[in-house]
Amino acid sequence: MNTLFYGFVILVFVSIILLIEAGYFWWKSGHSSEAKRVENRIRMMSAGGHGNDRAGSILKQRELSSSPLMTQLLLKVPRIHALDRWLVQSGLNWSVGKFVMLMVCPPVVIALLGRLIYVPVAALVLLMLIGALYAPFRVKRAVSKRLKRLEEQLPEAADMMSRSLRAGHSFATALGIVGDEMPEPIGSEFRAAFDEINFGVPLNQALGALANRVPISDLRYFVIAVLIQRESGGNLAEILGNISQLIRSRLALLGKVKALSAEGRLSAWILGLLPFALGLVISVVNPGFMKVLWTDPAGLKMVGGAVVLMLFGLVWMRKVIRIHV
């Protein structure tokens, strides 16, 4: 009896010791200062990741949000890093958390105002949709403007690098000169590539990260030409000069194509907006004349058919006037 009692006491003692040790290791792995520091570093490395570039880049990465809790929630969303890369390309200095808040808050505010002030349901839904699409529309417009500006600056940057190489500088130094001398936005992009090379990232990975941040075909041709020259040899200054001349010729041809297709694009805008503008004017001048389109079943069918035909015509005109160079 005494043996069983002593054995039971020893087992309870060992169990308590193991339980205390398990609790200590649990606290140390998840709540200690060292664990929090490691978690913060992992979150900083994964927040602004861009696929395989995260393994090659040793620069500080962007946070998805200023709130750690929101960052953890956003990291669980599939393809969240593609959204972060899109925001980086816009140059707006928005985090993913701020972008999400700008998409969610305006519709909620509009819905609350709609409960205080009577607004028709259709109009309220339309206003909520416009409020939700404001942030994506602004980012898309900023990305288009920034990439267009980068494309226009690329020939001058290639010429500057070609002159730097002819003066005896290395390719990495030429990248730094472009980053210091060229204005935004191309200056910051080349400066980031130069900093990565200085911090020990291989040249091919730094240039690959540059091509990922700036999805322009001309810049990708520039990167491919540099990487091929490093493998096979050749006069890199002459190659960059030829790339600059080729990009300038392509941009000039693109400008000529836009000038020749300007009439078609203007016609598409006029034909697309004219029915709605005319319908609005008639509704103001003679509301009863347009009311039959919403009250009569045949009128609703006519409106639906007209909208479908208009969409088909706009898509067709876009295909005709959009010429890739």
Foldseek 3Di string as FASTA:
>chain_A
DVVVVVVVVVVVVVVVVVVVVVVVVVCVCPPDPVNVVVVVVVQQLPQQDDPPLSVQFPDGHDQLDPDPVVSVVLVPDPPSNVVQLLQLLLVPPDHNVNLVCQLPVQLVVLVVVCVVDPDDPVVNVVRSVCSNCPSVVSSVVSNVVQLVVVLVCLLVLLLQLLVVVVVPDDSLVSLQVQLVPPDPDVNVLSNQLSVRVVVPRDNLSSLVVSCSSRVDPLSVVVSVVVVVCVVPNDNSSVVSNVSSVVSVVVVVVVVVLCVVLVVLVVVLVCVLCVVVVVLVVCCVVPVVVCVCLVVPPVSVVVVVVVVVVNVVVSVVSCVVSDDDD
